[in-house]
């Protein structure tokens, strides 16, 4: 049994835990070179991530190109680069213009998930390194194709499951590996949200000036089914199956992915999911994706994830609970880690009784509100040859498969089984 590690020891090892071994990278940049970045998608998420890019890498990158299909987002992205980067990027509404520029080293794909596949394939073919938001792709088959393409291209790929770069989750992984919770067969993960009746989840405010002339509908649709211009679908795309997996691929994948990371897992063997549209069901509601979802995952080595998400009550917030036979680790709201030994009403072994409770806070103890800045920095440093991606394309596909399994189980009302040998799904 490993010795008890207290709060001070945890803090002392934080820098070492975050360090990643340097890989052999094709076309790695020199220490003094700045990486030319093309930015694809400067909406709400893209704009936020653009700011985080500068916070962690301002002297290592130059954002040379911005792309968005809404002129309002394009102007905002350009302004942000001018303010934070002190240069004026070229602006485009077609991402292929960026890929055609041989001076661009890397692209960030911050678009709706149904566009990830075509954009990333084209970026890899053009020889670019790629940071792509989660999920990796809109279907399991698309993701598998991207894994093959990334291997063939030999470029750095980072998937936006940024919890893997969080100091709190990296510490949780260390604690599990040190045996502080003993054998662990069960994880409870949850993400609860709520909002007022006049502000439903993912019903983002549509810009008052948005119209068919300044919102390129055809480029937004891409490979999705053709239909007439629809402001709701364009600006609130997370609510429709054509462009999003909803809870399964927008939220759940973060939590199955970080469970895999902390516990050393890869893919579940089965998933059974249920849920539906239970809130905000007015006469004009046209949503596809649920606001309520539960999913049960079994893994082949006696391991289980119990997942739940509801958009009607945020009292318990967001988190994962790793329930080991000798202790519990909770990471809550990406802010706090709690470790508690399992005392068995006083009947636990003396080694377990001797362990102390631990509480770590991300902003206070690590100067980190979440893992995003570190995650983007890891991508940049991987291009420079100093680190390895913590969320490579293979891990991104594993996370996405878990999400797609939940979606498919929900849609079909059946249990989904994953065959690791054939890499195919079947229903039972």
Protein backbone atom coordinates (compact mmCIF):
# COMPACT_ATOMS: atom_id res chain seq x y z
CA UNK A 1 0.00 0.00 0.00
CA UNK A 2 1.50 3.40 -0.99
CA UNK A 3 2.13 5.93 1.72
CA UNK A 4 -0.40 8.63 2.37
CA UNK A 5 0.25 11.74 0.27
CA UNK A 6 -0.97 14.95 1.81
CA UNK A 7 -1.84 18.34 0.40
CA UNK A 8 1.73 19.68 0.53
CA UNK A 9 3.12 16.75 -1.45
CA UNK A 10 0.36 17.14 -4.03
CA UNK A 11 1.19 20.80 -4.54
CA UNK A 12 4.92 20.14 -4.81
CA UNK A 13 4.39 17.65 -7.63
CA UNK A 14 1.98 19.77 -9.70
CA UNK A 15 4.57 21.08 -12.13
CA UNK A 16 6.00 17.63 -12.74
CA UNK A 17 2.55 16.15 -13.27
CA UNK A 18 1.78 18.66 -16.00
CA UNK A 19 5.04 18.14 -17.87
CA UNK A 20 4.81 15.93 -20.92
CA UNK A 21 7.62 14.12 -22.71
CA UNK A 22 8.75 15.61 -26.00
CA UNK A 23 7.87 13.61 -29.12
CA UNK A 24 9.56 13.46 -32.48
CA UNK A 25 7.41 15.85 -34.53
CA UNK A 26 7.59 16.47 -38.26
CA UNK A 27 8.14 20.16 -39.03
CA UNK A 28 8.38 21.10 -35.34
CA UNK A 29 9.00 24.81 -34.92
CA UNK A 30 12.20 26.17 -33.47
CA UNK A 31 12.25 27.81 -30.05
CA UNK A 32 12.24 31.31 -31.56
CA UNK A 33 9.65 30.74 -34.28
CA UNK A 34 6.07 31.91 -33.99
CA UNK A 35 3.34 29.61 -35.26
CA UNK A 36 0.97 31.04 -37.86
CA UNK A 37 -2.61 30.19 -36.87
CA UNK A 38 -5.78 30.14 -38.93
CA UNK A 39 -8.94 30.44 -36.84
CA UNK A 40 -12.11 28.79 -38.17
CA UNK A 41 -15.25 29.83 -36.27
CA UNK A 42 -15.36 32.92 -34.05
CA UNK A 43 -18.81 32.53 -32.51
CA UNK A 44 -19.39 32.20 -28.77
CA UNK A 45 -17.08 29.24 -28.16
CA UNK A 46 -14.56 30.23 -30.78
CA UNK A 47 -14.30 33.77 -29.44
CA UNK A 48 -13.70 32.48 -25.91
CA UNK A 49 -11.04 30.01 -27.03
CA UNK A 50 -9.34 32.71 -29.09
CA UNK A 51 -8.90 34.74 -25.91
CA UNK A 52 -7.50 31.70 -24.10
CA UNK A 53 -5.02 31.12 -26.93
CA UNK A 54 -3.51 34.55 -26.32
CA UNK A 55 -3.48 34.15 -22.55
CA UNK A 56 -1.16 31.17 -22.74
CA UNK A 57 0.79 31.66 -25.96
CA UNK A 58 0.89 35.31 -26.99
CA UNK A 59 4.61 35.33 -27.82
CA UNK A 60 4.50 31.97 -29.61
CA UNK A 61 1.70 32.46 -32.14
CA UNK A 62 0.33 34.87 -34.72
CA UNK A 63 -3.32 34.57 -35.75
CA UNK A 64 -3.01 35.42 -39.42
CA UNK A 65 -6.48 34.41 -40.66
CA UNK A 66 -10.04 34.43 -39.26
CA UNK A 67 -13.00 32.62 -40.82
CA UNK A 68 -16.71 32.71 -39.98
CA UNK A 69 -19.87 32.47 -42.05
CA UNK A 70 -21.63 35.27 -40.10
CA UNK A 71 -20.18 38.71 -40.77
CA UNK A 72 -20.86 39.81 -37.19
CA UNK A 73 -18.73 36.99 -35.74
CA UNK A 74 -16.06 37.66 -38.35
CA UNK A 75 -15.81 41.30 -37.28
CA UNK A 76 -15.64 40.34 -33.60
CA UNK A 77 -12.88 37.82 -34.24
CA UNK A 78 -10.87 40.32 -36.27
CA UNK A 79 -11.21 42.93 -33.53
CA UNK A 80 -10.11 40.44 -30.86
CA UNK A 81 -6.97 39.58 -32.80
CA UNK A 82 -6.18 43.25 -33.35
CA UNK A 83 -6.63 43.96 -29.64
CA UNK A 84 -4.83 40.96 -28.17
CA UNK A 85 -2.37 40.13 -30.94
CA UNK A 86 -1.61 43.64 -32.24
CA UNK A 87 -1.93 42.53 -35.88
CA UNK A 88 -4.74 42.57 -38.43
CA UNK A 89 -5.70 39.11 -39.71
CA UNK A 90 -7.17 38.49 -43.13
CA UNK A 91 -10.87 37.61 -42.96
CA UNK A 92 -12.74 34.89 -44.85
CA UNK A 93 -16.13 33.18 -44.94
CA UNK A 94 -14.68 30.06 -46.60
CA UNK A 95 -12.25 28.00 -44.52
CA UNK A 96 -10.64 26.62 -47.67
CA UNK A 97 -9.08 30.03 -48.28
CA UNK A 98 -7.10 29.57 -45.06
CA UNK A 99 -6.03 26.02 -45.90
CA UNK A 100 -4.76 27.17 -49.28
CA UNK A 101 -2.27 29.54 -47.65
CA UNK A 102 1.04 27.73 -47.26
CA UNK A 103 2.19 30.10 -44.51
CA UNK A 104 -0.51 28.85 -42.11
CA UNK A 105 0.96 26.20 -39.80
CA UNK A 106 -2.07 25.25 -37.69
CA UNK A 107 -5.83 25.70 -37.63
CA UNK A 108 -8.36 25.77 -34.82
CA UNK A 109 -11.74 24.32 -35.85
CA UNK A 110 -14.41 25.94 -33.65
CA UNK A 111 -17.49 25.15 -35.72
CA UNK A 112 -20.68 23.11 -35.22
CA UNK A 113 -19.83 19.42 -34.94
CA UNK A 114 -21.34 18.37 -38.27
CA UNK A 115 -18.58 20.39 -40.01
CA UNK A 116 -15.62 18.92 -38.10
CA UNK A 117 -15.13 15.95 -40.42
CA UNK A 118 -14.90 17.77 -43.75
CA UNK A 119 -12.85 20.65 -42.32
CA UNK A 120 -10.36 18.46 -40.50
CA UNK A 121 -9.87 16.13 -43.46
CA UNK A 122 -9.14 19.11 -45.66
CA UNK A 123 -6.82 20.66 -43.07
CA UNK A 124 -4.78 17.47 -42.71
CA UNK A 125 -4.58 17.09 -46.49
CA UNK A 126 -3.25 20.65 -46.63
CA UNK A 127 -0.54 19.73 -44.10
CA UNK A 128 -1.89 21.74 -41.16
CA UNK A 129 -1.74 20.85 -37.49
CA UNK A 130 -5.28 20.77 -36.08
CA UNK A 131 -7.00 21.71 -32.83
CA UNK A 132 -10.62 20.57 -33.15
CA UNK A 133 -13.40 21.15 -30.66
CA UNK A 134 -15.14 18.11 -29.27
CA UNK A 135 -16.71 15.91 -30.39
CA UNK A 136 -14.15 14.78 -32.94
CA UNK A 137 -16.89 14.09 -35.49
CA UNK A 138 -20.64 13.85 -35.96
CA UNK A 139 -20.65 10.05 -36.37
CA UNK A 140 -18.48 7.11 -35.34
CA UNK A 141 -17.61 6.41 -38.98
CA UNK A 142 -16.49 9.99 -39.60
CA UNK A 143 -14.29 9.84 -36.50
CA UNK A 144 -12.65 6.60 -37.63
CA UNK A 145 -11.80 8.22 -40.95
CA UNK A 146 -10.23 11.18 -39.15
CA UNK A 147 -8.07 8.90 -37.00
CA UNK A 148 -6.68 7.25 -40.14
CA UNK A 149 -6.17 10.58 -41.89
CA UNK A 150 -4.31 12.05 -38.91
CA UNK A 151 -1.95 9.08 -38.73
CA UNK A 152 -1.26 9.31 -42.44
CA UNK A 153 -0.68 13.08 -42.34
CA UNK A 154 1.75 12.91 -39.41
CA UNK A 155 0.50 16.21 -38.02
CA UNK A 156 -0.32 17.19 -34.45
CA UNK A 157 -4.00 16.87 -33.54
CA UNK A 158 -5.50 18.01 -30.26
CA UNK A 159 -9.19 17.41 -29.47
CA UNK A 160 -10.89 19.96 -27.23
CA UNK A 161 -11.55 17.70 -24.23
CA UNK A 162 -9.66 20.15 -22.03
CA UNK A 163 -10.32 18.43 -18.71
CA UNK A 164 -7.29 16.26 -19.49
CA UNK A 165 -5.10 19.34 -19.01
CA UNK A 166 -6.69 20.41 -15.72
CA UNK A 167 -4.36 20.21 -12.71
CA UNK A 168 -7.24 18.87 -10.62
CA UNK A 169 -7.96 15.96 -12.92
CA UNK A 170 -4.28 15.20 -13.37
CA UNK A 171 -4.02 15.07 -9.60
CA UNK A 172 -7.03 12.76 -9.43
CA UNK A 173 -5.29 10.45 -11.90
CA UNK A 174 -2.15 10.41 -9.72
CA UNK A 175 -4.19 9.58 -6.64
CA UNK A 176 -5.85 6.64 -8.39
CA UNK A 177 -2.49 5.36 -9.61
CA UNK A 178 -1.06 5.69 -6.09
CA UNK A 179 -3.82 3.43 -4.79
CA UNK A 180 -5.51 6.00 -2.55
CA UNK A 181 -9.03 4.84 -3.45
CA UNK A 182 -8.20 1.15 -3.88
CA UNK A 183 -10.04 -0.83 -6.53
CA UNK A 184 -12.63 1.29 -8.32
CA UNK A 185 -15.51 -0.26 -10.23
CA UNK A 186 -17.99 2.64 -10.21
CA UNK A 187 -18.04 6.29 -11.26
CA UNK A 188 -20.98 8.64 -10.98
CA UNK A 189 -20.91 11.58 -13.39
CA UNK A 190 -23.48 14.35 -13.68
CA UNK A 191 -24.07 17.72 -15.30
CA UNK A 192 -27.09 19.70 -14.15
CA UNK A 193 -28.16 23.08 -15.51
CA UNK A 194 -31.13 25.40 -15.25
CA UNK A 195 -32.31 28.68 -16.71
CA UNK A 196 -35.39 30.88 -16.70
CA UNK A 197 -38.38 30.01 -18.83
CA UNK A 198 -37.62 32.84 -21.26
CA UNK A 199 -34.01 31.65 -21.70
CA UNK A 200 -34.09 27.92 -22.53
CA UNK A 201 -30.87 25.94 -22.76
CA UNK A 202 -28.97 26.51 -26.02
CA UNK A 203 -31.59 29.01 -27.27
CA UNK A 204 -28.82 31.53 -27.79
CA UNK A 205 -29.86 35.08 -28.56
CA UNK A 206 -29.99 35.61 -32.30
CA UNK A 207 -28.15 38.79 -33.33
CA UNK A 208 -30.80 41.39 -34.19
CA UNK A 209 -29.11 42.19 -37.51
CA UNK A 210 -28.74 38.55 -38.60
CA UNK A 211 -30.30 37.74 -41.94
CA UNK A 212 -29.81 35.54 -45.00
CA UNK A 213 -27.46 38.09 -46.60
CA UNK A 214 -24.90 38.17 -43.76
CA UNK A 215 -25.26 34.54 -42.61
CA UNK A 216 -23.93 32.11 -45.20
CA UNK A 217 -26.51 29.36 -44.87
CA UNK A 218 -25.09 27.05 -47.54
CA UNK A 219 -21.64 27.01 -45.94
CA UNK A 220 -23.21 26.42 -42.52
CA UNK A 221 -25.18 23.43 -43.83
CA UNK A 222 -22.16 21.80 -45.45
CA UNK A 223 -22.92 18.07 -45.55
CA UNK A 224 -26.16 18.39 -43.54
CA UNK A 225 -29.56 17.86 -45.19
CA UNK A 226 -30.60 20.80 -47.37
CA UNK A 227 -33.42 22.99 -46.11
CA UNK A 228 -34.62 26.58 -46.28
CA UNK A 229 -32.75 29.27 -44.34
CA UNK A 230 -33.60 29.10 -40.65
CA UNK A 231 -32.21 31.58 -38.11
CA UNK A 232 -32.90 29.20 -35.22
CA UNK A 233 -30.98 26.36 -36.76
CA UNK A 234 -28.11 28.61 -37.76
CA UNK A 235 -27.60 30.26 -34.38
CA UNK A 236 -29.02 27.58 -32.07
CA UNK A 237 -27.60 24.53 -33.87
CA UNK A 238 -27.00 22.50 -30.69
CA UNK A 239 -30.75 21.83 -30.52
CA UNK A 240 -30.96 19.82 -33.76
CA UNK A 241 -29.72 16.33 -34.64
CA UNK A 242 -28.58 17.44 -38.10
CA UNK A 243 -25.74 19.45 -36.54
CA UNK A 244 -25.34 18.20 -32.98
CA UNK A 245 -25.58 15.20 -30.69
CA UNK A 246 -26.89 17.48 -27.94
CA UNK A 247 -26.09 16.42 -24.39
CA UNK A 248 -24.37 13.23 -25.56
CA UNK A 249 -21.64 14.88 -27.62
CA UNK A 250 -21.59 18.38 -26.13
CA UNK A 251 -21.48 17.53 -22.42
CA UNK A 252 -21.34 13.79 -21.75
CA UNK A 253 -18.17 13.27 -23.83
CA UNK A 254 -16.24 15.53 -21.47
CA UNK A 255 -17.14 13.27 -18.56
CA UNK A 256 -16.71 9.87 -20.14
CA UNK A 257 -13.40 11.12 -21.57
CA UNK A 258 -12.06 12.37 -18.25
CA UNK A 259 -13.19 9.15 -16.56
CA UNK A 260 -11.17 7.23 -19.14
CA UNK A 261 -8.19 9.51 -18.47
CA UNK A 262 -8.31 9.28 -14.67
CA UNK A 263 -9.07 5.56 -14.54
CA UNK A 264 -6.92 4.40 -17.46
CA UNK A 265 -9.89 3.20 -19.53
CA UNK A 266 -10.65 3.40 -23.23
CA UNK A 267 -14.07 2.28 -24.49
CA UNK A 268 -17.20 0.89 -22.84
CA UNK A 269 -18.60 -2.42 -23.98
CA UNK A 270 -22.24 -1.27 -23.76
CA UNK A 271 -24.52 1.69 -23.16
CA UNK A 272 -28.19 2.03 -22.32
CA UNK A 273 -29.63 5.56 -22.44
CA UNK A 274 -33.01 7.18 -21.99
CA UNK A 275 -34.42 10.68 -21.74
CA UNK A 276 -36.34 13.22 -23.74
CA UNK A 277 -37.60 16.77 -24.14
CA UNK A 278 -39.26 17.56 -20.83
CA UNK A 279 -38.91 21.34 -20.45
CA UNK A 280 -39.78 24.46 -22.50
CA UNK A 281 -42.32 22.52 -24.58
CA UNK A 282 -44.27 25.47 -25.96
CA UNK A 283 -46.19 25.46 -29.22
CA UNK A 284 -43.23 26.88 -31.15
CA UNK A 285 -40.67 24.42 -29.76
CA UNK A 286 -38.93 22.64 -32.63
CA UNK A 287 -36.01 20.97 -30.79
CA UNK A 288 -34.72 17.52 -31.62
CA UNK A 289 -32.22 16.91 -28.83
CA UNK A 290 -33.27 16.09 -25.24
CA UNK A 291 -32.89 18.31 -22.20
CA UNK A 292 -32.91 15.23 -19.95
CA UNK A 293 -30.60 12.24 -20.35
CA UNK A 294 -29.41 9.27 -18.34
CA UNK A 295 -26.87 6.74 -19.59
CA UNK A 296 -25.43 3.60 -18.06
CA UNK A 297 -22.06 2.34 -19.33
CA UNK A 298 -20.43 -1.02 -18.67
CA UNK A 299 -16.77 -1.64 -19.48
CA UNK A 300 -15.24 -5.07 -20.19
CA UNK A 301 -13.15 -5.11 -16.99
CA UNK A 302 -15.87 -4.83 -14.33
CA UNK A 303 -16.22 -1.07 -14.48
CA UNK A 304 -19.37 1.06 -14.62
CA UNK A 305 -20.30 4.71 -15.27
CA UNK A 306 -23.65 6.09 -14.16
CA UNK A 307 -24.29 9.34 -16.06
CA UNK A 308 -27.11 11.87 -15.70
CA UNK A 309 -27.89 15.28 -17.13
CA UNK A 310 -30.93 17.51 -16.57
CA UNK A 311 -31.57 21.12 -17.61
CA UNK A 312 -34.19 21.78 -14.94
CA UNK A 313 -32.20 22.02 -11.69
CA UNK A 314 -28.59 23.07 -11.15
CA UNK A 315 -28.36 22.48 -7.40
CA UNK A 316 -25.71 19.76 -7.74
CA UNK A 317 -23.90 21.38 -10.66
CA UNK A 318 -21.28 19.40 -12.53
CA UNK A 319 -18.88 16.72 -11.47
CA UNK A 320 -17.48 13.21 -11.30
CA UNK A 321 -17.30 10.95 -8.26
CA UNK A 322 -14.75 8.14 -8.35
CA UNK A 323 -16.02 5.63 -5.80
CA UNK A 324 -13.18 3.31 -4.84
CA UNK A 325 -13.33 0.55 -2.24
CA UNK A 326 -10.88 2.46 -0.05
CA UNK A 327 -11.72 6.08 -0.84
CA UNK A 328 -13.63 8.64 -2.88
CA UNK A 329 -12.39 11.37 -5.22
CA UNK A 330 -14.81 14.07 -6.28
CA UNK A 331 -13.99 16.74 -8.84
CA UNK A 332 -16.78 19.32 -8.78
CA UNK A 333 -17.52 22.13 -11.22
CA UNK A 334 -13.94 21.95 -12.54
CA UNK A 335 -13.00 23.93 -9.44
CA UNK A 336 -12.62 21.65 -6.44
CA UNK A 337 -11.13 18.24 -5.74
CA UNK A 338 -12.11 16.39 -2.58
CA UNK A 339 -10.50 13.16 -1.41
CA UNK A 340 -12.12 11.19 1.42
CA UNK A 341 -10.87 7.82 2.75
CA UNK A 342 -13.49 5.05 2.97
CA UNK A 343 -13.58 4.27 6.70
CA UNK A 344 -16.23 1.49 6.70
CA UNK A 345 -17.74 2.87 9.92
CA UNK A 346 -14.42 2.54 11.66
CA UNK A 347 -13.67 -0.98 10.42
CA UNK A 348 -11.28 0.03 7.63
CA UNK A 349 -7.67 -1.20 7.63
CA UNK A 350 -5.29 0.97 9.64
CA UNK A 351 -3.49 2.14 6.50
CA UNK A 352 -6.77 3.55 5.18
CA UNK A 353 -7.72 5.10 8.53
CA UNK A 354 -4.38 6.93 8.58
CA UNK A 355 -5.10 8.77 5.35
CA UNK A 356 -6.17 12.38 5.59
CA UNK A 357 -8.90 14.16 3.68
CA UNK A 358 -7.66 16.46 0.94
CA UNK A 359 -9.28 19.51 -0.64
CA UNK A 360 -7.68 21.29 -3.60
CA UNK A 361 -9.10 24.31 -5.42
CA UNK A 362 -8.08 25.01 -8.99
CA UNK A 363 -7.92 28.83 -8.93
CA UNK A 364 -6.40 29.01 -5.43
CA UNK A 365 -3.91 26.15 -5.52
CA UNK A 366 -2.98 26.11 -9.21
CA UNK A 367 -3.99 29.53 -10.55
CA UNK A 368 -6.23 27.71 -12.98
CA UNK A 369 -9.98 28.29 -13.49
CA UNK A 370 -10.13 25.19 -15.71
CA UNK A 371 -7.83 23.35 -18.09
CA UNK A 372 -8.45 25.30 -21.29
CA UNK A 373 -5.43 27.63 -21.31
CA UNK A 374 -3.14 24.71 -20.45
CA UNK A 375 -4.82 22.52 -23.08
CA UNK A 376 -4.28 25.02 -25.87
CA UNK A 377 -0.71 25.61 -24.69
CA UNK A 378 -0.12 21.84 -24.83
CA UNK A 379 -1.18 21.90 -28.49
CA UNK A 380 1.16 24.77 -29.31
CA UNK A 381 4.06 23.18 -27.43
CA UNK A 382 3.41 19.89 -29.22
CA UNK A 383 3.78 21.63 -32.57
CA UNK A 384 7.04 23.11 -31.29
CA UNK A 385 8.24 19.61 -30.37
CA UNK A 386 8.35 20.18 -26.61
CA UNK A 387 5.32 18.11 -25.53
CA UNK A 388 2.88 15.44 -26.67
CA UNK A 389 -0.84 16.15 -27.14
CA UNK A 390 -2.74 15.10 -24.02
CA UNK A 391 -5.94 14.62 -26.07
CA UNK A 392 -4.73 13.05 -29.34
CA UNK A 393 -7.07 12.02 -32.11
CA UNK A 394 -7.39 8.43 -30.80
CA UNK A 395 -8.58 9.65 -27.38
CA UNK A 396 -10.94 12.07 -29.11
CA UNK A 397 -12.50 9.22 -31.06
CA UNK A 398 -12.90 7.12 -27.92
CA UNK A 399 -14.69 10.00 -26.20
CA UNK A 400 -16.90 10.58 -29.22
CA UNK A 401 -17.84 6.90 -29.51
CA UNK A 402 -19.17 6.96 -25.94
CA UNK A 403 -21.31 9.96 -26.81
CA UNK A 404 -22.61 8.45 -30.04
CA UNK A 405 -23.46 5.23 -28.21
CA UNK A 406 -25.73 7.20 -25.87
CA UNK A 407 -27.38 9.02 -28.77
CA UNK A 408 -27.99 5.83 -30.71
CA UNK A 409 -29.33 4.00 -27.66
CA UNK A 410 -31.71 6.88 -26.96
CA UNK A 411 -32.93 7.14 -30.54
CA UNK A 412 -33.44 3.40 -30.98
CA UNK A 413 -34.70 2.56 -27.50
CA UNK A 414 -32.24 -0.32 -27.25
CA UNK A 415 -29.00 -1.21 -25.52
CA UNK A 416 -25.95 -0.56 -27.68
CA UNK A 417 -23.02 -2.99 -27.59
CA UNK A 418 -19.55 -2.08 -28.89
CA UNK A 419 -17.47 -4.85 -30.44
CA UNK A 420 -13.83 -3.87 -29.93
CA UNK A 421 -12.58 -6.42 -32.48
CA UNK A 422 -14.75 -5.31 -35.38
CA UNK A 423 -15.12 -1.69 -34.14
CA UNK A 424 -18.83 -1.91 -34.88
CA UNK A 425 -22.03 -1.42 -32.90
CA UNK A 426 -24.99 -3.75 -32.52
CA UNK A 427 -28.29 -3.44 -30.66
CA UNK A 428 -29.68 -5.89 -28.12
